Amino acid sequence: MKMPEQSTILLDRKVIDLLKVAREHPRQTYNELLEKMATTFIKIKEKNQYDEFLHKIQQNKMKELWDNKEDAAWEGV
């Protein structure tokens, strides 16, 4: 048996009001809007994970560059 392509979800009234404000044009469906929002959220989440990864791998190199005796000698000047 094939599952239906659509389903019904319950949303709080305040969420529906937010969706109305978020629409890019009056004829945009909630389905289109939610799909775009979900896709954008996933991309942002992936970018943040990538940025966090870069930050972690750069920490050791930055510590090496900044925590050295040569720079420490200049701190008292």
PDB file of N, CA and C in Angstrom:
ATOM      1  N   MET A   1       0.837  -1.183   0.000  1.00  0.00           N
ATOM      2  CA  MET A   1       0.000   0.000   0.000  1.00  0.00           C
ATOM      3  C   MET A   1       0.882   1.247   0.000  1.00  0.00           C
ATOM      4  N   LYS A   2       0.579   2.165  -0.879  1.00  0.00           N
ATOM      5  CA  LYS A   2       1.364   3.382  -1.016  1.00  0.00           C
ATOM      6  C   LYS A   2       0.912   4.415   0.011  1.00  0.00           C
ATOM      7  N   MET A   3       1.900   5.082   0.653  1.00  0.00           N
ATOM      8  CA  MET A   3       1.577   6.125   1.633  1.00  0.00           C
ATOM      9  C   MET A   3       1.152   7.400   0.902  1.00  0.00           C
ATOM     10  N   PRO A   4       0.264   8.160   1.508  1.00  0.00           N
ATOM     11  CA  PRO A   4      -0.163   9.408   0.868  1.00  0.00           C
ATOM     12  C   PRO A   4       0.997  10.395   0.765  1.00  0.00           C
ATOM     13  N   GLU A   5       0.952  11.229  -0.267  1.00  0.00           N
ATOM     14  CA  GLU A   5       2.003  12.216  -0.508  1.00  0.00           C
ATOM     15  C   GLU A   5       1.854  13.444   0.381  1.00  0.00           C
ATOM     16  N   GLN A   6       0.724  13.609   1.008  1.00  0.00           N
ATOM     17  CA  GLN A   6       0.480  14.760   1.860  1.00  0.00           C
ATOM     18  C   GLN A   6       0.002  14.296   3.221  1.00  0.00           C
ATOM     19  N   SER A   7       0.202  15.166   4.203  1.00  0.00           N
ATOM     20  CA  SER A   7      -0.312  14.871   5.534  1.00  0.00           C
ATOM     21  C   SER A   7      -0.810  16.161   6.162  1.00  0.00           C
ATOM     22  N   THR A   8      -1.428  16.020   7.292  1.00  0.00           N
ATOM     23  CA  THR A   8      -1.952  17.156   8.034  1.00  0.00           C
ATOM     24  C   THR A   8      -1.129  17.310   9.304  1.00  0.00           C
ATOM     25  N   ILE A   9      -0.740  18.558   9.594  1.00  0.00           N
ATOM     26  CA  ILE A   9      -0.030  18.824  10.852  1.00  0.00           C
ATOM     27  C   ILE A   9      -0.776  19.903  11.618  1.00  0.00           C
ATOM     28  N   LEU A  10      -0.690  19.838  12.933  1.00  0.00           N
ATOM     29  CA  LEU A  10      -1.318  20.849  13.782  1.00  0.00           C
ATOM     30  C   LEU A  10      -0.263  21.894  14.144  1.00  0.00           C
ATOM     31  N   LEU A  11      -0.629  23.159  13.979  1.00  0.00           N
ATOM     32  CA  LEU A  11       0.270  24.255  14.313  1.00  0.00           C
ATOM     33  C   LEU A  11      -0.428  25.189  15.280  1.00  0.00           C
ATOM     34  N   ASP A  12       0.329  25.723  16.218  1.00  0.00           N
ATOM     35  CA  ASP A  12      -0.217  26.749  17.104  1.00  0.00           C
ATOM     36  C   ASP A  12      -0.579  27.972  16.274  1.00  0.00           C
ATOM     37  N   ARG A  13      -1.565  28.708  16.730  1.00  0.00           N
ATOM     38  CA  ARG A  13      -2.018  29.911  16.022  1.00  0.00           C
ATOM     39  C   ARG A  13      -0.863  30.898  15.850  1.00  0.00           C
ATOM     40  N   LYS A  14       0.005  31.027  16.870  1.00  0.00           N
ATOM     41  CA  LYS A  14       1.110  31.984  16.770  1.00  0.00           C
ATOM     42  C   LYS A  14       2.100  31.572  15.673  1.00  0.00           C
ATOM     43  N   VAL A  15       2.263  30.271  15.444  1.00  0.00           N
ATOM     44  CA  VAL A  15       3.138  29.798  14.367  1.00  0.00           C
ATOM     45  C   VAL A  15       2.518  30.129  13.010  1.00  0.00           C
ATOM     46  N   ILE A  16       1.240  29.949  12.898  1.00  0.00           N
ATOM     47  CA  ILE A  16       0.542  30.291  11.648  1.00  0.00           C
ATOM     48  C   ILE A  16       0.678  31.788  11.364  1.00  0.00           C
ATOM     49  N   ASP A  17       0.531  32.608  12.401  1.00  0.00           N
ATOM     50  CA  ASP A  17       0.686  34.057  12.236  1.00  0.00           C
ATOM     51  C   ASP A  17       2.110  34.407  11.792  1.00  0.00           C
ATOM     52  N   LEU A  18       3.107  33.733  12.349  1.00  0.00           N
ATOM     53  CA  LEU A  18       4.498  33.963  11.934  1.00  0.00           C
ATOM     54  C   LEU A  18       4.712  33.553  10.479  1.00  0.00           C
ATOM     55  N   LEU A  19       4.117  32.445  10.086  1.00  0.00           N
ATOM     56  CA  LEU A  19       4.233  31.990   8.703  1.00  0.00           C
ATOM     57  C   LEU A  19       3.610  32.999   7.741  1.00  0.00           C
ATOM     58  N   LYS A  20       2.488  33.566   8.133  1.00  0.00           N
ATOM     59  CA  LYS A  20       1.843  34.576   7.284  1.00  0.00           C
ATOM     60  C   LYS A  20       2.761  35.770   7.063  1.00  0.00           C
ATOM     61  N   VAL A  21       3.433  36.204   8.119  1.00  0.00           N
ATOM     62  CA  VAL A  21       4.348  37.342   8.024  1.00  0.00           C
ATOM     63  C   VAL A  21       5.594  36.979   7.212  1.00  0.00           C
ATOM     64  N   ALA A  22       6.035  35.742   7.318  1.00  0.00           N
ATOM     65  CA  ALA A  22       7.269  35.304   6.665  1.00  0.00           C
ATOM     66  C   ALA A  22       7.127  35.063   5.162  1.00  0.00           C
ATOM     67  N   ARG A  23       5.902  34.928   4.688  1.00  0.00           N
ATOM     68  CA  ARG A  23       5.705  34.644   3.260  1.00  0.00           C
ATOM     69  C   ARG A  23       6.339  35.724   2.392  1.00  0.00           C
ATOM     70  N   GLU A  24       6.912  35.302   1.271  1.00  0.00           N
ATOM     71  CA  GLU A  24       7.551  36.227   0.337  1.00  0.00           C
ATOM     72  C   GLU A  24       6.535  36.904  -0.578  1.00  0.00           C
ATOM     73  N   HIS A  25       5.412  36.256  -0.793  1.00  0.00           N
ATOM     74  CA  HIS A  25       4.314  36.837  -1.568  1.00  0.00           C
ATOM     75  C   HIS A  25       3.015  36.192  -1.087  1.00  0.00           C
ATOM     76  N   PRO A  26       1.910  36.885  -1.250  1.00  0.00           N
ATOM     77  CA  PRO A  26       0.635  36.408  -0.691  1.00  0.00           C
ATOM     78  C   PRO A  26       0.188  35.035  -1.189  1.00  0.00           C
ATOM     79  N   ARG A  27       0.594  34.645  -2.384  1.00  0.00           N
ATOM     80  CA  ARG A  27       0.129  33.365  -2.933  1.00  0.00           C
ATOM     81  C   ARG A  27       1.077  32.204  -2.613  1.00  0.00           C
ATOM     82  N   GLN A  28       2.170  32.492  -1.893  1.00  0.00           N
ATOM     83  CA  GLN A  28       3.102  31.428  -1.516  1.00  0.00           C
ATOM     84  C   GLN A  28       2.415  30.507  -0.504  1.00  0.00           C
ATOM     85  N   THR A  29       2.474  29.222  -0.767  1.00  0.00           N
ATOM     86  CA  THR A  29       1.819  28.270   0.136  1.00  0.00           C
ATOM     87  C   THR A  29       2.692  28.036   1.363  1.00  0.00           C
ATOM     88  N   TYR A  30       2.050  27.574   2.422  1.00  0.00           N
ATOM     89  CA  TYR A  30       2.819  27.230   3.626  1.00  0.00           C
ATOM     90  C   TYR A  30       3.789  26.104   3.317  1.00  0.00           C
ATOM     91  N   ASN A  31       3.390  25.190   2.455  1.00  0.00           N
ATOM     92  CA  ASN A  31       4.263  24.086   2.069  1.00  0.00           C
ATOM     93  C   ASN A  31       5.543  24.615   1.412  1.00  0.00           C
ATOM     94  N   GLU A  32       5.395  25.553   0.478  1.00  0.00           N
ATOM     95  CA  GLU A  32       6.558  26.148  -0.190  1.00  0.00           C
ATOM     96  C   GLU A  32       7.439  26.893   0.818  1.00  0.00           C
ATOM     97  N   LEU A  33       6.785  27.645   1.685  1.00  0.00           N
ATOM     98  CA  LEU A  33       7.521  28.424   2.680  1.00  0.00           C
ATOM     99  C   LEU A  33       8.272  27.525   3.650  1.00  0.00           C
ATOM    100  N   LEU A  34       7.608  26.503   4.160  1.00  0.00           N
ATOM    101  CA  LEU A  34       8.248  25.597   5.116  1.00  0.00           C
ATOM    102  C   LEU A  34       9.389  24.811   4.471  1.00  0.00           C
ATOM    103  N   GLU A  35       9.212  24.417   3.220  1.00  0.00           N
ATOM    104  CA  GLU A  35      10.288  23.723   2.511  1.00  0.00           C
ATOM    105  C   GLU A  35      11.514  24.632   2.379  1.00  0.00           C
ATOM    106  N   LYS A  36      11.281  25.878   2.006  1.00  0.00           N
ATOM    107  CA  LYS A  36      12.384  26.836   1.866  1.00  0.00           C
ATOM    108  C   LYS A  36      13.051  27.103   3.219  1.00  0.00           C
ATOM    109  N   MET A  37      12.244  27.249   4.257  1.00  0.00           N
ATOM    110  CA  MET A  37      12.776  27.496   5.596  1.00  0.00           C
ATOM    111  C   MET A  37      13.614  26.315   6.082  1.00  0.00           C
ATOM    112  N   ALA A  38      13.121  25.106   5.866  1.00  0.00           N
ATOM    113  CA  ALA A  38      13.843  23.913   6.304  1.00  0.00           C
ATOM    114  C   ALA A  38      15.164  23.767   5.545  1.00  0.00           C
ATOM    115  N   THR A  39      15.134  23.998   4.233  1.00  0.00           N
ATOM    116  CA  THR A  39      16.343  23.905   3.421  1.00  0.00           C
ATOM    117  C   THR A  39      17.376  24.937   3.877  1.00  0.00           C
ATOM    118  N   THR A  40      16.915  26.159   4.116  1.00  0.00           N
ATOM    119  CA  THR A  40      17.808  27.225   4.583  1.00  0.00           C
ATOM    120  C   THR A  40      18.389  26.882   5.948  1.00  0.00           C
ATOM    121  N   PHE A  41      17.571  26.373   6.840  1.00  0.00           N
ATOM    122  CA  PHE A  41      18.030  26.002   8.176  1.00  0.00           C
ATOM    123  C   PHE A  41      19.102  24.922   8.103  1.00  0.00           C
ATOM    124  N   ILE A  42      18.895  23.924   7.259  1.00  0.00           N
ATOM    125  CA  ILE A  42      19.867  22.840   7.110  1.00  0.00           C
ATOM    126  C   ILE A  42      21.190  23.377   6.587  1.00  0.00           C
ATOM    127  N   LYS A  43      21.148  24.277   5.596  1.00  0.00           N
ATOM    128  CA  LYS A  43      22.372  24.862   5.049  1.00  0.00           C
ATOM    129  C   LYS A  43      23.117  25.660   6.110  1.00  0.00           C
ATOM    130  N   ILE A  44      22.397  26.436   6.897  1.00  0.00           N
ATOM    131  CA  ILE A  44      23.024  27.229   7.954  1.00  0.00           C
ATOM    132  C   ILE A  44      23.658  26.312   8.993  1.00  0.00           C
ATOM    133  N   LYS A  45      22.952  25.257   9.349  1.00  0.00           N
ATOM    134  CA  LYS A  45      23.465  24.310  10.341  1.00  0.00           C
ATOM    135  C   LYS A  45      24.739  23.645   9.832  1.00  0.00           C
ATOM    136  N   GLU A  46      24.751  23.252   8.561  1.00  0.00           N
ATOM    137  CA  GLU A  46      25.942  22.637   7.974  1.00  0.00           C
ATOM    138  C   GLU A  46      27.094  23.625   7.937  1.00  0.00           C
ATOM    139  N   LYS A  47      26.824  24.880   7.605  1.00  0.00           N
ATOM    140  CA  LYS A  47      27.873  25.908   7.559  1.00  0.00           C
ATOM    141  C   LYS A  47      28.449  26.138   8.949  1.00  0.00           C
ATOM    142  N   ASN A  48      27.576  26.179   9.956  1.00  0.00           N
ATOM    143  CA  ASN A  48      28.042  26.374  11.327  1.00  0.00           C
ATOM    144  C   ASN A  48      28.912  25.209  11.780  1.00  0.00           C
ATOM    145  N   GLN A  49      28.545  23.994  11.389  1.00  0.00           N
ATOM    146  CA  GLN A  49      29.360  22.830  11.745  1.00  0.00           C
ATOM    147  C   GLN A  49      30.730  22.925  11.078  1.00  0.00           C
ATOM    148  N   TYR A  50      30.761  23.391   9.827  1.00  0.00           N
ATOM    149  CA  TYR A  50      32.017  23.556   9.107  1.00  0.00           C
ATOM    150  C   TYR A  50      32.863  24.638   9.770  1.00  0.00           C
ATOM    151  N   ASP A  51      32.238  25.754  10.145  1.00  0.00           N
ATOM    152  CA  ASP A  51      32.965  26.836  10.817  1.00  0.00           C
ATOM    153  C   ASP A  51      33.536  26.369  12.152  1.00  0.00           C
ATOM    154  N   GLU A  52      32.756  25.602  12.917  1.00  0.00           N
ATOM    155  CA  GLU A  52      33.238  25.065  14.188  1.00  0.00           C
ATOM    156  C   GLU A  52      34.411  24.115  13.962  1.00  0.00           C
ATOM    157  N   PHE A  53      34.348  23.291  12.917  1.00  0.00           N
ATOM    158  CA  PHE A  53      35.436  22.386  12.579  1.00  0.00           C
ATOM    159  C   PHE A  53      36.702  23.184  12.267  1.00  0.00           C
ATOM    160  N   LEU A  54      36.582  24.219  11.430  1.00  0.00           N
ATOM    161  CA  LEU A  54      37.741  25.046  11.099  1.00  0.00           C
ATOM    162  C   LEU A  54      38.320  25.709  12.343  1.00  0.00           C
ATOM    163  N   HIS A  55      37.457  26.202  13.191  1.00  0.00           N
ATOM    164  CA  HIS A  55      37.914  26.857  14.409  1.00  0.00           C
ATOM    165  C   HIS A  55      38.717  25.885  15.280  1.00  0.00           C
ATOM    166  N   LYS A  56      38.214  24.659  15.423  1.00  0.00           N
ATOM    167  CA  LYS A  56      38.911  23.678  16.257  1.00  0.00           C
ATOM    168  C   LYS A  56      40.272  23.306  15.693  1.00  0.00           C
ATOM    169  N   ILE A  57      40.365  23.122  14.369  1.00  0.00           N
ATOM    170  CA  ILE A  57      41.661  22.729  13.822  1.00  0.00           C
ATOM    171  C   ILE A  57      42.640  23.894  13.800  1.00  0.00           C
ATOM    172  N   GLN A  58      42.132  25.123  13.842  1.00  0.00           N
ATOM    173  CA  GLN A  58      43.014  26.286  13.860  1.00  0.00           C
ATOM    174  C   GLN A  58      43.495  26.625  15.264  1.00  0.00           C
ATOM    175  N   GLN A  59      42.831  26.142  16.288  1.00  0.00           N
ATOM    176  CA  GLN A  59      43.180  26.493  17.661  1.00  0.00           C
ATOM    177  C   GLN A  59      44.624  26.139  17.991  1.00  0.00           C
ATOM    178  N   ASN A  60      45.078  24.949  17.641  1.00  0.00           N
ATOM    179  CA  ASN A  60      46.449  24.546  17.966  1.00  0.00           C
ATOM    180  C   ASN A  60      47.467  25.432  17.269  1.00  0.00           C
ATOM    181  N   LYS A  61      47.234  25.742  15.998  1.00  0.00           N
ATOM    182  CA  LYS A  61      48.167  26.595  15.255  1.00  0.00           C
ATOM    183  C   LYS A  61      48.185  28.004  15.837  1.00  0.00           C
ATOM    184  N   MET A  62      47.025  28.529  16.191  1.00  0.00           N
ATOM    185  CA  MET A  62      46.979  29.863  16.773  1.00  0.00           C
ATOM    186  C   MET A  62      47.682  29.887  18.128  1.00  0.00           C
ATOM    187  N   LYS A  63      47.509  28.846  18.915  1.00  0.00           N
ATOM    188  CA  LYS A  63      48.200  28.756  20.206  1.00  0.00           C
ATOM    189  C   LYS A  63      49.704  28.740  19.971  1.00  0.00           C
ATOM    190  N   GLU A  64      50.136  27.990  18.992  1.00  0.00           N
ATOM    191  CA  GLU A  64      51.557  27.910  18.652  1.00  0.00           C
ATOM    192  C   GLU A  64      52.085  29.284  18.226  1.00  0.00           C
ATOM    193  N   LEU A  65      51.325  30.003  17.432  1.00  0.00           N
ATOM    194  CA  LEU A  65      51.763  31.313  16.947  1.00  0.00           C
ATOM    195  C   LEU A  65      51.751  32.385  18.034  1.00  0.00           C
ATOM    196  N   TRP A  66      50.771  32.350  18.900  1.00  0.00           N
ATOM    197  CA  TRP A  66      50.615  33.414  19.891  1.00  0.00           C
ATOM    198  C   TRP A  66      51.322  33.127  21.202  1.00  0.00           C
ATOM    199  N   ASP A  67      51.428  31.882  21.598  1.00  0.00           N
ATOM    200  CA  ASP A  67      52.070  31.531  22.868  1.00  0.00           C
ATOM    201  C   ASP A  67      53.524  31.127  22.618  1.00  0.00           C
ATOM    202  N   ASN A  68      54.363  32.114  22.420  1.00  0.00           N
ATOM    203  CA  ASN A  68      55.790  31.807  22.216  1.00  0.00           C
ATOM    204  C   ASN A  68      56.629  32.795  23.018  1.00  0.00           C
ATOM    205  N   LYS A  69      57.882  32.443  23.264  1.00  0.00           N
ATOM    206  CA  LYS A  69      58.771  33.245  24.117  1.00  0.00           C
ATOM    207  C   LYS A  69      59.062  34.598  23.478  1.00  0.00           C
ATOM    208  N   GLU A  70      59.154  34.654  22.154  1.00  0.00           N
ATOM    209  CA  GLU A  70      59.468  35.918  21.498  1.00  0.00           C
ATOM    210  C   GLU A  70      58.387  36.963  21.749  1.00  0.00           C
ATOM    211  N   ASP A  71      57.137  36.555  21.636  1.00  0.00           N
ATOM    212  CA  ASP A  71      56.042  37.484  21.889  1.00  0.00           C
ATOM    213  C   ASP A  71      55.944  37.836  23.365  1.00  0.00           C
ATOM    214  N   ALA A  72      56.198  36.873  24.237  1.00  0.00           N
ATOM    215  CA  ALA A  72      56.149  37.114  25.673  1.00  0.00           C
ATOM    216  C   ALA A  72      57.179  38.164  26.081  1.00  0.00           C
ATOM    217  N   ALA A  73      58.340  38.195  25.444  1.00  0.00           N
ATOM    218  CA  ALA A  73      59.382  39.164  25.758  1.00  0.00           C
ATOM    219  C   ALA A  73      58.910  40.594  25.461  1.00  0.00           C
ATOM    220  N   TRP A  74      58.055  40.755  24.473  1.00  0.00           N
ATOM    221  CA  TRP A  74      57.568  42.076  24.093  1.00  0.00           C
ATOM    222  C   TRP A  74      56.455  42.597  24.998  1.00  0.00           C
ATOM    223  N   GLU A  75      55.835  41.714  25.770  1.00  0.00           N
ATOM    224  CA  GLU A  75      54.714  42.127  26.606  1.00  0.00           C
ATOM    225  C   GLU A  75      55.120  43.131  27.686  1.00  0.00           C
ATOM    226  N   GLY A  76      56.345  43.042  28.175  1.00  0.00           N
ATOM    227  CA  GLY A  76      56.802  43.939  29.245  1.00  0.00           C
ATOM    228  C   GLY A  76      57.400  45.223  28.737  1.00  0.00           C
ATOM    229  N   VAL A  77      57.489  45.413  27.434  1.00  0.00           N
ATOM    230  CA  VAL A  77      58.140  46.601  26.876  1.00  0.00           C
ATOM    231  C   VAL A  77      57.211  47.786  26.859  1.00  0.00           C
TER     232      VAL A  77
END
